[in-house]
Amino acid sequence: MKKNKPMSEDAKYVQEKETDENLDKMAKKLTKEWNKPPKMDKAPDLSFSKFEEKLKNKDQ
């Protein structure tokens, strides 16, 4: 039969904080953050000429 090792202080803390209520709070917060549109100052330049320029710079 295996002996159970005593829990470390960190493991005890995690077990205390990992309640259903706290997990629900975290899930709601993350869902809210993930559903926000990404912040972009300006639209990226996706033209072929820009791509070609980067490709040339990479080869040098």
N, C-alpha and C. Protein backbone atom coordinates (compact mmCIF):
# COMPACT_ATOMS: atom_id res chain seq x y z
N MET A 1 0.84 -1.18 0.00
CA MET A 1 0.00 0.00 0.00
C MET A 1 0.89 1.25 0.00
N LYS A 2 0.50 2.25 -0.80
CA LYS A 2 1.25 3.50 -0.90
C LYS A 2 0.98 4.38 0.31
N LYS A 3 2.01 5.04 0.75
CA LYS A 3 1.83 6.04 1.80
C LYS A 3 1.60 7.38 1.13
N ASN A 4 0.66 8.13 1.63
CA ASN A 4 0.41 9.47 1.11
C ASN A 4 1.44 10.43 1.68
N LYS A 5 2.04 11.20 0.81
CA LYS A 5 3.01 12.20 1.25
C LYS A 5 2.24 13.38 1.82
N PRO A 6 2.78 14.03 2.82
CA PRO A 6 2.12 15.24 3.34
C PRO A 6 2.11 16.32 2.27
N MET A 7 1.04 17.10 2.23
CA MET A 7 0.91 18.16 1.22
C MET A 7 1.85 19.31 1.55
N SER A 8 2.44 19.87 0.51
CA SER A 8 3.28 21.05 0.71
C SER A 8 2.37 22.25 0.97
N GLU A 9 2.97 23.31 1.43
CA GLU A 9 2.20 24.53 1.71
C GLU A 9 1.57 25.07 0.43
N ASP A 10 2.30 24.99 -0.69
CA ASP A 10 1.76 25.46 -1.97
C ASP A 10 0.54 24.66 -2.38
N ALA A 11 0.63 23.35 -2.23
CA ALA A 11 -0.49 22.48 -2.62
C ALA A 11 -1.71 22.76 -1.75
N LYS A 12 -1.48 23.03 -0.48
CA LYS A 12 -2.59 23.36 0.42
C LYS A 12 -3.25 24.66 0.00
N TYR A 13 -2.44 25.64 -0.35
CA TYR A 13 -2.96 26.94 -0.77
C TYR A 13 -3.79 26.81 -2.04
N VAL A 14 -3.29 26.05 -3.00
CA VAL A 14 -4.01 25.85 -4.26
C VAL A 14 -5.34 25.16 -3.98
N GLN A 15 -5.32 24.16 -3.13
CA GLN A 15 -6.55 23.44 -2.82
C GLN A 15 -7.57 24.35 -2.14
N GLU A 16 -7.10 25.27 -1.29
CA GLU A 16 -8.01 26.22 -0.64
C GLU A 16 -8.63 27.18 -1.64
N LYS A 17 -7.84 27.65 -2.58
CA LYS A 17 -8.31 28.68 -3.53
C LYS A 17 -9.06 28.10 -4.72
N GLU A 18 -8.87 26.83 -5.01
CA GLU A 18 -9.48 26.22 -6.19
C GLU A 18 -10.89 25.71 -5.86
N THR A 19 -11.74 26.62 -5.46
CA THR A 19 -13.13 26.27 -5.15
C THR A 19 -13.97 26.42 -6.41
N ASP A 20 -15.15 25.83 -6.41
CA ASP A 20 -16.04 25.96 -7.57
C ASP A 20 -16.38 27.42 -7.83
N GLU A 21 -16.60 28.17 -6.75
CA GLU A 21 -16.94 29.59 -6.90
C GLU A 21 -15.80 30.37 -7.55
N ASN A 22 -14.58 30.13 -7.10
CA ASN A 22 -13.42 30.84 -7.66
C ASN A 22 -13.15 30.41 -9.10
N LEU A 23 -13.35 29.14 -9.40
CA LEU A 23 -13.16 28.68 -10.78
C LEU A 23 -14.19 29.30 -11.71
N ASP A 24 -15.43 29.45 -11.24
CA ASP A 24 -16.47 30.10 -12.04
C ASP A 24 -16.13 31.56 -12.30
N LYS A 25 -15.64 32.25 -11.25
CA LYS A 25 -15.24 33.66 -11.41
C LYS A 25 -14.15 33.78 -12.47
N MET A 26 -13.15 32.90 -12.38
CA MET A 26 -12.04 32.95 -13.32
C MET A 26 -12.52 32.66 -14.74
N ALA A 27 -13.41 31.70 -14.89
CA ALA A 27 -13.93 31.35 -16.21
C ALA A 27 -14.69 32.52 -16.82
N LYS A 28 -15.50 33.20 -16.02
CA LYS A 28 -16.26 34.35 -16.52
C LYS A 28 -15.32 35.48 -16.94
N LYS A 29 -14.30 35.72 -16.13
CA LYS A 29 -13.34 36.79 -16.43
C LYS A 29 -12.59 36.49 -17.73
N LEU A 30 -12.12 35.25 -17.87
CA LEU A 30 -11.38 34.88 -19.08
C LEU A 30 -12.26 34.91 -20.31
N THR A 31 -13.50 34.47 -20.18
CA THR A 31 -14.43 34.51 -21.32
C THR A 31 -14.65 35.94 -21.77
N LYS A 32 -14.80 36.84 -20.80
CA LYS A 32 -15.00 38.26 -21.11
C LYS A 32 -13.78 38.82 -21.84
N GLU A 33 -12.57 38.48 -21.36
CA GLU A 33 -11.34 38.96 -21.99
C GLU A 33 -11.16 38.40 -23.40
N TRP A 34 -11.42 37.11 -23.56
CA TRP A 34 -11.20 36.46 -24.85
C TRP A 34 -12.20 36.91 -25.90
N ASN A 35 -13.36 37.40 -25.49
CA ASN A 35 -14.37 37.82 -26.45
C ASN A 35 -14.18 39.26 -26.91
N LYS A 36 -13.24 39.97 -26.31
CA LYS A 36 -12.94 41.33 -26.74
C LYS A 36 -12.19 41.28 -28.06
N PRO A 37 -12.49 42.20 -28.97
CA PRO A 37 -11.72 42.23 -30.22
C PRO A 37 -10.27 42.64 -29.93
N PRO A 38 -9.33 42.11 -30.69
CA PRO A 38 -7.92 42.46 -30.45
C PRO A 38 -7.68 43.94 -30.74
N LYS A 39 -6.81 44.54 -29.95
CA LYS A 39 -6.47 45.96 -30.13
C LYS A 39 -5.42 46.07 -31.23
N MET A 40 -5.75 46.82 -32.25
CA MET A 40 -4.80 47.06 -33.34
C MET A 40 -4.82 48.54 -33.65
N ASP A 41 -3.64 49.14 -33.68
CA ASP A 41 -3.55 50.56 -33.98
C ASP A 41 -3.92 50.84 -35.44
N LYS A 42 -3.44 49.99 -36.32
CA LYS A 42 -3.75 50.15 -37.74
C LYS A 42 -3.81 48.77 -38.38
N ALA A 43 -4.45 48.70 -39.50
CA ALA A 43 -4.57 47.43 -40.21
C ALA A 43 -3.20 47.05 -40.78
N PRO A 44 -2.85 45.78 -40.71
CA PRO A 44 -1.54 45.36 -41.24
C PRO A 44 -1.51 45.47 -42.77
N ASP A 45 -0.33 45.74 -43.30
CA ASP A 45 -0.14 45.83 -44.74
C ASP A 45 0.08 44.41 -45.28
N LEU A 46 -0.91 43.87 -45.95
CA LEU A 46 -0.84 42.51 -46.46
C LEU A 46 -0.56 42.45 -47.96
N SER A 47 -0.06 43.53 -48.52
CA SER A 47 0.22 43.56 -49.95
C SER A 47 1.40 42.64 -50.29
N PHE A 48 1.40 42.16 -51.52
CA PHE A 48 2.48 41.27 -51.96
C PHE A 48 3.81 42.00 -51.98
N SER A 49 3.79 43.27 -52.33
CA SER A 49 5.05 44.03 -52.40
C SER A 49 5.71 44.12 -51.02
N LYS A 50 4.92 44.28 -50.00
CA LYS A 50 5.46 44.33 -48.64
C LYS A 50 6.04 42.97 -48.25
N PHE A 51 5.32 41.90 -48.62
CA PHE A 51 5.79 40.54 -48.35
C PHE A 51 7.10 40.28 -49.08
N GLU A 52 7.16 40.68 -50.32
CA GLU A 52 8.35 40.48 -51.14
C GLU A 52 9.55 41.23 -50.53
N GLU A 53 9.29 42.42 -50.03
CA GLU A 53 10.34 43.22 -49.40
C GLU A 53 10.89 42.49 -48.15
N LYS A 54 10.01 41.94 -47.34
CA LYS A 54 10.44 41.20 -46.16
C LYS A 54 11.20 39.95 -46.55
N LEU A 55 10.78 39.30 -47.61
CA LEU A 55 11.44 38.10 -48.08
C LEU A 55 12.85 38.41 -48.54
N LYS A 56 13.02 39.51 -49.24
CA LYS A 56 14.35 39.92 -49.70
C LYS A 56 15.25 40.25 -48.51
N ASN A 57 14.72 40.93 -47.53
CA ASN A 57 15.50 41.30 -46.33
C ASN A 57 15.91 40.05 -45.54
N LYS A 58 15.08 39.05 -45.56
CA LYS A 58 15.37 37.81 -44.85
C LYS A 58 16.54 37.07 -45.51
N ASP A 59 16.59 37.10 -46.82
CA ASP A 59 17.63 36.39 -47.57
C ASP A 59 19.01 37.04 -47.43
N GLN A 60 19.05 38.30 -47.09
CA GLN A 60 20.33 39.02 -47.00
C GLN A 60 21.09 38.69 -45.78
